[in-house]
């Protein structure tokens, strides 16, 4: 009888521990990986071994976690209606995340990431590069940092985004080169339409290689480019 009671107590304690863990995760409401392609690695902020590991679907993104994608690789994270899409050859770190206070901050050291933001206060969802800081005033935007150019870009897909203190609307964007404070203003309205990347986009890309980062989500219209794998999940969530 005594042994049975001990076993029952152990089972109860185990179930309680599992329940508390689930409640804790639910309370934090982390973003969850919903899609991966290719080689995606992450360095967990809570892993004392400091070893890079392979990121898988259903893994969660925690404050301090660092994500790296390889060539042709990507990962999507989802938190309620908020999406984070990390593109190939990107180094991304989640700096701050509080669903309770509706505040989030991320850092793109190199590469590209796209965001559709909901459930956060206006201006309290920020994404930085070595030269730019974009604060959401609307919903969807892309953030890029090109190492060769040493320039950070932000483009606005929907709503309004504040870039280094200036406000930009849908179809526009801003860029800053490392070592300067000058904010370069760009207009993408004739380059990218609801159908995709136009012939003007193709011509403009010669002078602005960063535009190639848009091709996974905006397919070429009237011309071809097979060097980029389409984003299978873009616009489907």
Foldseek 3Di string as FASTA:
>chain_A
DVVVVVVVVVVVVVVVVVVVVVVVCVQQQFWFWADKDAFKWKQDPPDPVRDIDGDDGGDTADAFMKMAAAVQIKIWTDRPPKIKIFGHGWIKHWHDGGLPQQATEMETAAAKMKIFDDSHDFQRYWYYYLQKIKTHNWTIKMWHAHPVQQKIKIAAQAQWIQILNRIDHHQKIWMDHPPDNDIDIGGRDVQADPQFGEPVVVVVCVVPVVSVSCCLDGPYDPDHDPSHHHDPCPPPD
